[in-house]
Protein backbone atom coordinates (compact mmCIF):
# COMPACT_ATOMS: atom_id res chain seq x y z
CA UNK A 1 0.08 0.24 0.03
CA UNK A 2 1.42 3.34 -1.01
CA UNK A 3 1.11 6.06 1.73
CA UNK A 4 0.37 9.26 0.56
CA UNK A 5 0.47 12.77 2.38
CA UNK A 6 -1.87 15.46 0.96
CA UNK A 7 -1.03 19.12 1.45
CA UNK A 8 -3.51 21.68 0.25
CA UNK A 9 -4.90 24.74 2.04
CA UNK A 10 -8.12 24.47 0.32
CA UNK A 11 -10.70 22.20 2.09
CA UNK A 12 -12.67 21.10 -0.88
CA UNK A 13 -9.70 20.64 -3.26
CA UNK A 14 -7.82 18.65 -0.43
CA UNK A 15 -11.11 16.54 -0.08
CA UNK A 16 -11.12 15.84 -3.57
CA UNK A 17 -7.58 14.80 -3.83
CA UNK A 18 -8.03 12.45 -0.88
CA UNK A 19 -11.01 10.88 -2.43
CA UNK A 20 -9.19 10.23 -5.79
CA UNK A 21 -6.08 8.57 -3.86
CA UNK A 22 -8.43 6.50 -1.62
CA UNK A 23 -10.43 5.20 -4.63
CA UNK A 24 -7.21 3.34 -5.95
CA UNK A 25 -6.69 0.11 -4.10
CA UNK A 26 -3.20 0.31 -3.70
CA UNK A 27 -2.98 3.78 -2.16
CA UNK A 28 -4.16 5.48 1.12
CA UNK A 29 -4.11 8.93 2.53
CA UNK A 30 -1.96 8.79 5.84
CA UNK A 31 -2.09 12.56 6.52
CA UNK A 32 -3.69 15.84 5.33
CA UNK A 33 -1.97 19.47 5.81
CA UNK A 34 -3.72 22.67 5.39
CA UNK A 35 -0.41 24.76 5.66
CA UNK A 36 3.29 24.31 4.69
CA UNK A 37 4.29 24.18 8.29
CA UNK A 38 1.78 21.38 8.89
CA UNK A 39 2.79 19.49 5.99
CA UNK A 40 6.46 19.47 7.21
CA UNK A 41 5.43 18.37 10.43
CA UNK A 42 3.14 15.56 9.12
CA UNK A 43 5.81 14.38 6.75
CA UNK A 44 8.15 13.98 9.75
CA UNK A 45 5.44 12.14 12.02
CA UNK A 46 3.74 9.76 9.52
CA UNK A 47 6.69 9.15 7.07
CA UNK A 48 4.71 8.86 3.81
CA UNK A 49 5.96 7.10 0.71
CA UNK A 50 4.83 10.07 -1.50
CA UNK A 51 3.93 13.53 -0.87
CA UNK A 52 1.60 15.74 -2.98
CA UNK A 53 1.96 19.33 -2.16
CA UNK A 54 0.20 22.48 -3.22
CA UNK A 55 3.00 25.13 -4.39
CA UNK A 56 0.79 28.09 -2.93
CA UNK A 57 0.18 27.59 0.82
CA UNK A 58 0.02 29.67 4.07
CA UNK A 59 3.02 29.32 6.44
CA UNK A 60 5.51 27.83 3.72
CA UNK A 61 4.71 27.45 0.04
CA UNK A 62 5.64 24.06 -1.90
CA UNK A 63 9.10 25.09 -2.56
CA UNK A 64 9.93 25.82 1.15
CA UNK A 65 8.03 22.58 2.29
CA UNK A 66 10.27 20.55 0.09
CA UNK A 67 13.50 22.36 1.24
CA UNK A 68 12.46 21.57 4.89
CA UNK A 69 11.32 17.94 4.23
CA UNK A 70 14.30 17.11 2.27
CA UNK A 71 16.39 18.06 5.20
CA UNK A 72 15.31 14.94 7.12
CA UNK A 73 13.80 12.83 4.04
CA UNK A 74 15.85 13.50 1.15
CA UNK A 75 14.48 10.56 -0.68
CA UNK A 76 10.83 11.36 -0.49
CA UNK A 77 9.28 11.61 -3.80
CA UNK A 78 7.13 14.91 -3.98
CA UNK A 79 4.49 15.83 -6.60
CA UNK A 80 3.75 19.42 -6.88
CA UNK A 81 0.26 20.23 -7.48
CA UNK A 82 -0.74 23.89 -8.77
CA UNK A 83 -2.93 26.27 -10.71
CA UNK A 84 0.21 27.31 -12.53
CA UNK A 85 1.60 25.82 -16.06
CA UNK A 86 4.13 28.78 -16.50
CA UNK A 87 7.64 27.64 -16.99
CA UNK A 88 8.86 29.50 -13.96
CA UNK A 89 7.03 27.22 -11.51
CA UNK A 90 8.04 24.19 -13.45
CA UNK A 91 11.55 25.11 -13.48
CA UNK A 92 11.79 26.13 -9.83
CA UNK A 93 9.92 23.14 -8.57
CA UNK A 94 12.01 20.63 -10.55
CA UNK A 95 15.34 22.44 -9.47
CA UNK A 96 14.13 22.16 -5.73
CA UNK A 97 13.73 18.30 -6.16
CA UNK A 98 10.19 17.83 -7.29
CA UNK A 99 9.54 14.50 -9.08
CA UNK A 100 6.15 15.24 -10.30
CA UNK A 101 4.30 18.27 -11.33
CA UNK A 102 0.62 18.38 -12.31
CA UNK A 103 -2.15 21.11 -12.48
CA UNK A 104 -5.35 21.23 -10.43
CA UNK A 105 -7.33 21.03 -13.73
CA UNK A 106 -5.61 17.71 -14.77
CA UNK A 107 -7.66 14.54 -14.98
CA UNK A 108 -8.04 12.76 -11.56
CA UNK A 109 -6.38 9.54 -13.23
CA UNK A 110 -3.19 11.78 -13.81
CA UNK A 111 -2.65 12.10 -10.02
CA UNK A 112 -2.84 8.44 -9.48
CA UNK A 113 -0.50 7.91 -12.54
CA UNK A 114 1.62 10.48 -11.26
CA UNK A 115 2.09 8.63 -7.88
CA UNK A 116 2.69 5.32 -9.41
CA UNK A 117 5.34 7.00 -11.74
CA UNK A 118 7.43 8.74 -8.95
CA UNK A 119 7.11 5.55 -6.61
CA UNK A 120 8.80 3.64 -9.61
CA UNK A 121 11.55 6.14 -9.62
CA UNK A 122 10.48 8.25 -12.60
CA UNK A 123 9.11 11.72 -13.22
CA UNK A 124 5.86 12.79 -14.14
CA UNK A 125 4.79 15.85 -15.95
CA UNK A 126 1.44 16.75 -17.65
CA UNK A 127 1.64 17.43 -21.32
CA UNK A 128 1.03 21.04 -20.54
CA UNK A 129 3.94 21.38 -18.22
CA UNK A 130 6.02 19.31 -20.33
CA UNK A 131 5.56 21.68 -23.06
CA UNK A 132 6.34 24.79 -20.78
CA UNK A 133 9.61 22.88 -19.65
CA UNK A 134 10.64 22.21 -23.18
CA UNK A 135 9.87 25.76 -24.26
CA UNK A 136 12.26 27.26 -21.41
CA UNK A 137 14.99 24.70 -22.48
CA UNK A 138 14.86 25.51 -25.93
CA UNK A 139 15.27 29.33 -25.57
CA UNK A 140 18.67 30.87 -25.64
CA UNK A 141 19.95 33.05 -22.86
CA UNK A 142 19.36 36.40 -24.88
CA UNK A 143 15.79 35.42 -25.15
CA UNK A 144 15.14 34.62 -21.46
CA UNK A 145 12.67 36.61 -19.67
CA UNK A 146 13.42 39.03 -16.52
CA UNK A 147 11.86 36.35 -14.24
CA UNK A 148 15.04 34.23 -15.20
CA UNK A 149 17.19 36.78 -13.56
CA UNK A 150 15.62 36.38 -10.00
CA UNK A 151 16.30 33.63 -7.59
CA UNK A 152 13.67 31.22 -6.04
CA UNK A 153 13.54 33.28 -2.70
CA UNK A 154 12.98 36.23 -4.71
CA UNK A 155 10.31 34.75 -6.62
CA UNK A 156 8.67 33.74 -3.31
CA UNK A 157 8.99 37.29 -1.88
CA UNK A 158 7.69 38.88 -5.05
CA UNK A 159 4.61 36.64 -4.91
CA UNK A 160 3.86 37.62 -1.22
CA UNK A 161 4.50 41.12 -1.87
CA UNK A 162 1.97 41.00 -5.02
CA UNK A 163 -0.64 39.46 -2.68
CA UNK A 164 -0.41 42.49 -0.33
CA UNK A 165 1.79 40.90 2.57
CA UNK A 166 3.73 43.48 4.55
CA UNK A 167 7.48 42.86 5.07
CA UNK A 168 6.78 41.77 8.62
CA UNK A 169 4.45 38.91 7.49
CA UNK A 170 7.08 37.92 4.79
CA UNK A 171 9.67 37.82 7.16
CA UNK A 172 7.75 35.65 9.55
CA UNK A 173 6.62 33.41 6.72
CA UNK A 174 10.12 32.50 5.86
CA UNK A 175 11.98 33.05 9.15
CA UNK A 176 14.07 35.82 7.98
CA UNK A 177 14.53 39.43 9.15
CA UNK A 178 12.48 42.40 7.81
CA UNK A 179 15.62 44.15 6.71
CA UNK A 180 16.38 40.96 4.60
CA UNK A 181 12.98 41.19 3.06
CA UNK A 182 13.48 44.72 2.13
CA UNK A 183 16.60 43.95 0.62
CA UNK A 184 14.93 41.11 -1.70
CA UNK A 185 12.28 43.66 -2.40
CA UNK A 186 15.05 46.30 -3.51
CA UNK A 187 16.79 43.72 -5.58
CA UNK A 188 13.27 42.92 -7.23
CA UNK A 189 12.68 46.45 -8.36
CA UNK A 190 16.19 46.73 -9.84
CA UNK A 191 16.26 43.46 -11.48
CA UNK A 192 12.66 43.90 -12.99
CA UNK A 193 13.19 47.61 -13.69
CA UNK A 194 10.14 48.69 -11.64
CA UNK A 195 9.66 51.64 -9.23
CA UNK A 196 7.32 50.34 -6.37
CA UNK A 197 5.18 47.63 -4.77
CA UNK A 198 2.37 48.49 -6.97
CA UNK A 199 4.61 47.72 -10.13
CA UNK A 200 5.55 44.63 -8.61
CA UNK A 201 1.98 43.47 -7.90
CA UNK A 202 1.08 44.45 -11.73
CA UNK A 203 4.09 42.54 -12.85
CA UNK A 204 3.20 39.39 -10.89
CA UNK A 205 -0.43 39.57 -12.32
CA UNK A 206 0.75 40.18 -15.94
CA UNK A 207 3.06 37.24 -15.77
CA UNK A 208 0.39 34.96 -13.94
CA UNK A 209 2.57 34.53 -10.73
CA UNK A 210 -0.54 34.72 -8.60
CA UNK A 211 -4.00 33.37 -8.92
């Protein structure tokens, strides 16, 4: 029996995912998490065989959850579940160690297939995600977008700023100082050729970095 951890902050989405997994005779859900912090805690407590993690959660997004979980379970196969098909999310997730990347609009059977695939030691990408990755890999350095110039942490800070979070809230989210958050903010403004937080928000919306 494949033991699965499901992490998503939306109750109805989480319930649907659990139902899909439980309908497969070879899988069972051993834990459900509604936040990044809870996902890390439950991964430690329940030692699942596979973790299915939403990339956008409070108290630690999917990338941060993977970083923390891999510190004590580096071999755990993680499947990122998200609304985003944009290449930036795909690249960051794979670079962080994700073995699978599927979108919430994927057919239910794709989740089951993804779990089986990563358990067998492989990777799983939906066709849409695979296309986004192929487009990224085929582009030359000159053609790469401004988003390629920012780090994963800067991308995380950008998203939260665009969602209206304060520097203090972001500092608490990632356990860093307020001064460090402001340093990231200033770097983002410089790298993206923007002037203020309002510009950052518009940039994030235009590039579909937030829902």
